[in-house]
N, C-alpha and C. Protein backbone atom coordinates (compact mmCIF):
# COMPACT_ATOMS: atom_id res chain seq x y z
N UNK A 1 17.34 -1.46 -32.01
CA UNK A 1 16.76 -0.82 -31.05
C UNK A 1 16.03 0.23 -30.63
N UNK A 2 14.80 -0.04 -29.99
CA UNK A 2 13.31 0.57 -30.04
C UNK A 2 14.38 2.24 -29.17
N UNK A 3 13.64 2.73 -29.88
CA UNK A 3 13.83 3.91 -29.15
C UNK A 3 12.56 4.68 -27.81
N UNK A 4 12.55 4.98 -26.58
CA UNK A 4 11.27 5.29 -25.82
C UNK A 4 11.19 6.36 -25.33
N UNK A 5 9.86 7.15 -25.38
CA UNK A 5 9.71 8.19 -25.05
C UNK A 5 9.53 8.15 -23.43
N UNK A 6 10.25 8.41 -22.70
CA UNK A 6 10.14 8.18 -21.75
C UNK A 6 9.51 9.76 -21.06
N UNK A 7 8.08 9.36 -20.00
CA UNK A 7 7.95 10.71 -19.61
C UNK A 7 8.44 11.00 -18.05
N UNK A 8 8.85 10.15 -17.16
CA UNK A 8 9.90 10.73 -16.79
C UNK A 8 10.63 9.47 -16.31
N UNK A 9 12.15 9.97 -15.66
CA UNK A 9 12.96 8.28 -15.68
C UNK A 9 13.79 8.50 -14.33
N UNK A 10 13.01 8.55 -12.87
CA UNK A 10 13.95 8.96 -11.95
C UNK A 10 14.64 7.95 -11.31
N UNK A 11 15.50 8.35 -10.64
CA UNK A 11 15.90 7.82 -9.07
C UNK A 11 15.94 8.15 -7.94
N UNK A 12 14.93 7.58 -7.01
CA UNK A 12 14.94 8.35 -6.21
C UNK A 12 14.94 7.44 -4.61
N UNK A 13 15.41 8.01 -3.86
CA UNK A 13 15.74 6.91 -2.56
C UNK A 13 14.70 7.17 -1.47
N UNK A 14 14.30 6.04 -0.86
CA UNK A 14 13.53 5.35 -0.30
C UNK A 14 13.28 4.60 0.82
N UNK A 15 12.58 4.71 2.02
CA UNK A 15 12.39 4.20 3.36
C UNK A 15 11.89 2.65 2.79
N UNK A 16 11.84 2.02 3.21
CA UNK A 16 10.69 0.47 3.25
C UNK A 16 11.07 -0.01 4.44
N UNK A 17 9.46 -0.28 4.71
CA UNK A 17 9.07 -1.24 6.19
C UNK A 17 8.70 -2.55 5.39
N UNK A 18 9.08 -3.59 6.03
CA UNK A 18 8.60 -4.60 5.76
C UNK A 18 7.71 -5.78 7.19
N UNK A 19 6.34 -5.71 7.83
CA UNK A 19 6.07 -6.09 8.26
C UNK A 19 5.34 -7.42 8.20
N UNK A 20 4.93 -8.21 8.98
CA UNK A 20 4.19 -9.14 8.83
C UNK A 20 3.33 -9.15 10.22
N UNK A 21 2.06 -9.89 10.14
CA UNK A 21 1.42 -9.86 11.34
C UNK A 21 0.00 -10.63 10.79
N UNK A 22 -0.36 -11.33 11.87
CA UNK A 22 -1.39 -12.33 11.66
C UNK A 22 -3.29 -11.65 12.08
N UNK A 23 -3.57 -11.15 11.48
CA UNK A 23 -5.57 -10.88 12.01
C UNK A 23 -5.90 -12.04 12.06
N UNK A 24 -7.39 -11.69 12.63
CA UNK A 24 -7.97 -13.30 12.32
C UNK A 24 -8.72 -13.39 11.32
N UNK A 25 -8.54 -12.89 10.40
CA UNK A 25 -8.47 -13.58 9.41
C UNK A 25 -8.07 -14.22 8.25
N UNK A 26 -6.59 -13.28 8.09
CA UNK A 26 -5.79 -13.80 7.03
C UNK A 26 -4.12 -12.88 7.89
N UNK A 27 -3.56 -14.00 6.90
CA UNK A 27 -1.68 -13.16 7.30
C UNK A 27 -1.40 -11.99 6.44
N UNK A 28 -0.90 -11.68 6.83
CA UNK A 28 -0.44 -10.10 6.13
C UNK A 28 1.13 -10.02 6.10
N UNK A 29 1.40 -10.06 4.65
CA UNK A 29 2.78 -9.31 4.83
C UNK A 29 3.10 -8.25 3.52
N UNK A 30 3.15 -7.10 4.36
CA UNK A 30 3.42 -5.73 4.04
C UNK A 30 4.51 -5.37 3.59
N UNK A 31 5.32 -4.69 2.82
CA UNK A 31 5.78 -3.95 2.13
C UNK A 31 5.37 -2.34 2.01
N UNK A 32 5.84 -1.36 2.40
CA UNK A 32 5.32 -0.02 3.01
C UNK A 32 6.25 0.71 2.92
N UNK A 33 6.86 1.22 1.10
CA UNK A 33 7.67 2.37 0.90
C UNK A 33 7.12 3.53 1.21
N UNK A 34 8.12 4.44 1.90
CA UNK A 34 8.43 6.03 2.34
C UNK A 34 8.88 6.53 1.36
N UNK A 35 8.10 7.19 0.13
CA UNK A 35 9.28 8.21 -0.82
C UNK A 35 8.60 9.32 -1.00
N UNK A 36 9.05 10.39 -1.08
CA UNK A 36 8.31 12.24 -1.51
C UNK A 36 7.85 12.28 -2.98
N UNK A 37 7.67 10.93 -3.66
CA UNK A 37 7.42 10.93 -5.04
C UNK A 37 5.36 11.17 -4.95
N UNK A 38 4.97 10.40 -3.54
CA UNK A 38 3.52 10.68 -3.56
C UNK A 38 3.05 11.24 -2.91
N UNK A 39 3.39 12.94 -2.82
CA UNK A 39 2.95 13.93 -2.11
C UNK A 39 2.18 13.38 -0.48
N UNK A 40 3.32 12.44 0.18
CA UNK A 40 3.30 11.94 1.66
C UNK A 40 2.16 11.03 1.45
N UNK A 41 1.50 10.01 0.65
CA UNK A 41 0.89 8.67 0.23
C UNK A 41 2.19 7.99 0.84
N UNK A 42 1.94 6.70 1.30
CA UNK A 42 2.71 5.36 0.99
C UNK A 42 2.51 4.64 0.06
N UNK A 43 3.57 3.81 -0.52
CA UNK A 43 3.14 2.65 -1.34
C UNK A 43 3.34 1.14 -0.59
N UNK A 44 1.89 0.84 -0.48
CA UNK A 44 1.45 -0.72 0.42
C UNK A 44 1.56 -1.25 -0.56
N UNK A 45 2.65 -2.41 -0.38
CA UNK A 45 2.62 -3.38 -1.34
C UNK A 45 1.83 -5.24 -0.37
N UNK A 46 1.05 -5.21 -0.44
CA UNK A 46 0.56 -6.56 -0.35
C UNK A 46 1.31 -8.32 -0.71
N UNK A 47 2.22 -8.40 -0.20
CA UNK A 47 3.10 -9.99 -1.52
C UNK A 47 2.20 -11.54 -0.94
N UNK A 48 1.04 -11.34 0.05
CA UNK A 48 0.55 -12.22 -0.12
C UNK A 48 -0.13 -12.74 -1.40
N UNK A 49 -1.26 -11.55 -1.79
CA UNK A 49 -1.36 -11.07 -2.70
C UNK A 49 -1.45 -10.89 -4.08
N UNK A 50 0.31 -10.03 -4.11
CA UNK A 50 0.37 -9.46 -5.41
C UNK A 50 -0.73 -7.96 -5.79
N UNK A 51 -1.05 -7.32 -4.58
CA UNK A 51 -1.35 -6.34 -4.91
C UNK A 51 -1.07 -4.76 -4.30
N UNK A 52 -1.07 -3.75 -4.60
CA UNK A 52 -0.75 -2.39 -3.72
C UNK A 52 -1.54 -1.00 -4.11
N UNK A 53 -1.21 -0.40 -3.23
CA UNK A 53 -2.01 0.54 -3.54
C UNK A 53 -1.38 1.74 -2.67
N UNK A 54 -1.40 2.88 -2.93
CA UNK A 54 -1.11 3.87 -2.73
C UNK A 54 -1.82 4.64 -1.82
N UNK A 55 -1.29 4.82 -0.11
CA UNK A 55 -2.37 5.11 0.35
C UNK A 55 -2.07 6.63 1.27
N UNK A 56 -2.76 7.41 1.26
CA UNK A 56 -2.96 8.46 2.39
C UNK A 56 -3.91 8.08 3.64
N UNK A 57 -4.04 8.83 4.62
CA UNK A 57 -5.44 8.94 5.14
C UNK A 57 -6.34 9.58 4.66
N UNK A 58 -6.33 10.16 3.51
CA UNK A 58 -7.94 10.78 2.88
C UNK A 58 -8.35 9.46 2.39
N UNK A 59 -7.81 8.37 2.02
CA UNK A 59 -7.83 6.80 1.41
C UNK A 59 -8.56 6.30 2.22
N UNK A 60 -8.07 6.12 3.50
CA UNK A 60 -8.70 5.19 4.65
C UNK A 60 -9.63 5.31 4.65
N UNK A 61 -9.42 6.67 4.99
CA UNK A 61 -11.37 7.49 5.18
C UNK A 61 -12.49 7.10 3.88
N UNK A 62 -12.12 6.65 3.51
CA UNK A 62 -12.96 6.65 2.31
C UNK A 62 -13.55 5.15 2.02
N UNK A 63 -14.70 4.59 1.84
CA UNK A 63 -15.61 3.80 2.50
C UNK A 63 -15.24 2.71 0.89
N UNK A 64 -14.46 1.66 1.46
CA UNK A 64 -14.62 0.57 0.85
C UNK A 64 -13.29 0.68 -0.46
N UNK A 65 -12.53 1.69 0.40
CA UNK A 65 -11.30 1.62 -0.30
C UNK A 65 -10.49 0.38 -0.29
N UNK A 66 -10.28 0.15 0.54
CA UNK A 66 -9.48 -1.52 1.42
C UNK A 66 -9.69 -2.24 0.13
N UNK A 67 -10.75 -2.45 0.60
CA UNK A 67 -11.37 -3.70 -0.16
C UNK A 67 -11.13 -3.77 -1.29
N UNK A 68 -11.81 -2.62 -2.20
CA UNK A 68 -11.39 -2.60 -3.56
C UNK A 68 -9.80 -2.58 -3.97
N UNK A 69 -8.77 -2.50 -3.76
CA UNK A 69 -7.63 -1.97 -3.91
C UNK A 69 -6.96 -3.17 -3.36
N UNK A 70 -7.05 -3.98 -2.33
CA UNK A 70 -6.58 -5.49 -2.86
C UNK A 70 -7.35 -6.81 -2.59
N UNK A 71 -8.44 -5.78 -2.60
CA UNK A 71 -9.79 -7.17 -2.72
C UNK A 71 -9.52 -7.99 -1.72
N UNK A 72 -10.35 -8.10 -0.67
CA UNK A 72 -10.38 -8.32 0.83
C UNK A 72 -12.12 -8.11 1.43
N UNK A 73 -12.46 -8.99 2.15
CA UNK A 73 -13.63 -8.48 2.67
C UNK A 73 -13.56 -7.86 3.47
N UNK A 74 -14.53 -7.18 4.13
CA UNK A 74 -14.65 -5.88 4.85
C UNK A 74 -14.60 -6.38 6.16
N UNK A 75 -14.34 -7.37 6.54
CA UNK A 75 -13.89 -7.77 7.96
C UNK A 75 -12.44 -7.76 7.98
N UNK A 76 -11.69 -8.10 6.85
CA UNK A 76 -10.61 -8.21 6.59
C UNK A 76 -9.63 -6.34 6.56
N UNK A 77 -10.84 -5.70 5.79
CA UNK A 77 -10.26 -4.83 5.90
C UNK A 77 -10.38 -3.60 6.88
N UNK A 78 -11.27 -3.67 7.78
CA UNK A 78 -11.17 -3.23 9.05
C UNK A 78 -9.85 -3.53 9.68
N UNK A 79 -9.39 -5.07 9.87
CA UNK A 79 -8.10 -5.65 10.09
C UNK A 79 -7.21 -4.49 9.97
N UNK A 80 -6.68 -4.37 8.59
CA UNK A 80 -6.10 -3.50 7.66
C UNK A 80 -5.82 -1.93 8.23
N UNK A 81 -7.13 -1.60 8.22
CA UNK A 81 -7.04 -0.04 8.55
C UNK A 81 -7.30 0.03 9.66
N UNK A 82 -7.31 -0.50 10.77
CA UNK A 82 -6.27 -0.56 12.30
C UNK A 82 -5.04 -0.50 12.12
N UNK A 83 -4.45 -1.07 11.48
CA UNK A 83 -2.92 -1.12 11.15
C UNK A 83 -2.64 0.13 10.62
N UNK A 84 -2.61 0.02 9.45
CA UNK A 84 -2.53 1.46 8.52
C UNK A 84 -3.05 2.50 8.94
N UNK A 85 -3.54 2.58 10.10
CA UNK A 85 -4.24 3.80 10.73
C UNK A 85 -3.17 4.36 11.89
N UNK A 86 -2.37 3.64 11.50
CA UNK A 86 -0.67 3.90 12.87
C UNK A 86 0.42 3.89 12.17
N UNK A 87 0.64 3.97 10.65
CA UNK A 87 1.78 4.40 9.84
C UNK A 87 1.05 5.18 8.87
N UNK A 88 0.18 5.30 8.51
CA UNK A 88 -0.02 5.74 7.21
C UNK A 88 -0.56 8.07 7.51
């Protein structure tokens, strides 16, 4: 068996919120993972597209970030942005 050179191997407590909603463009099935691991940011997993991003308020302010991270249109990103600003 091979020996692994771990950079880290931590077990942390998390709180996860599962939320599903339908926007005017697409349905969102999200898992929002909250932990102290990401310096106050949240791990947002889109279970429909199998994409995820670590998101904080500064990321939401970055032009095109949601479009790139989740590979969605500007209209879809606007809906997601409205939702995420309430929880991030």
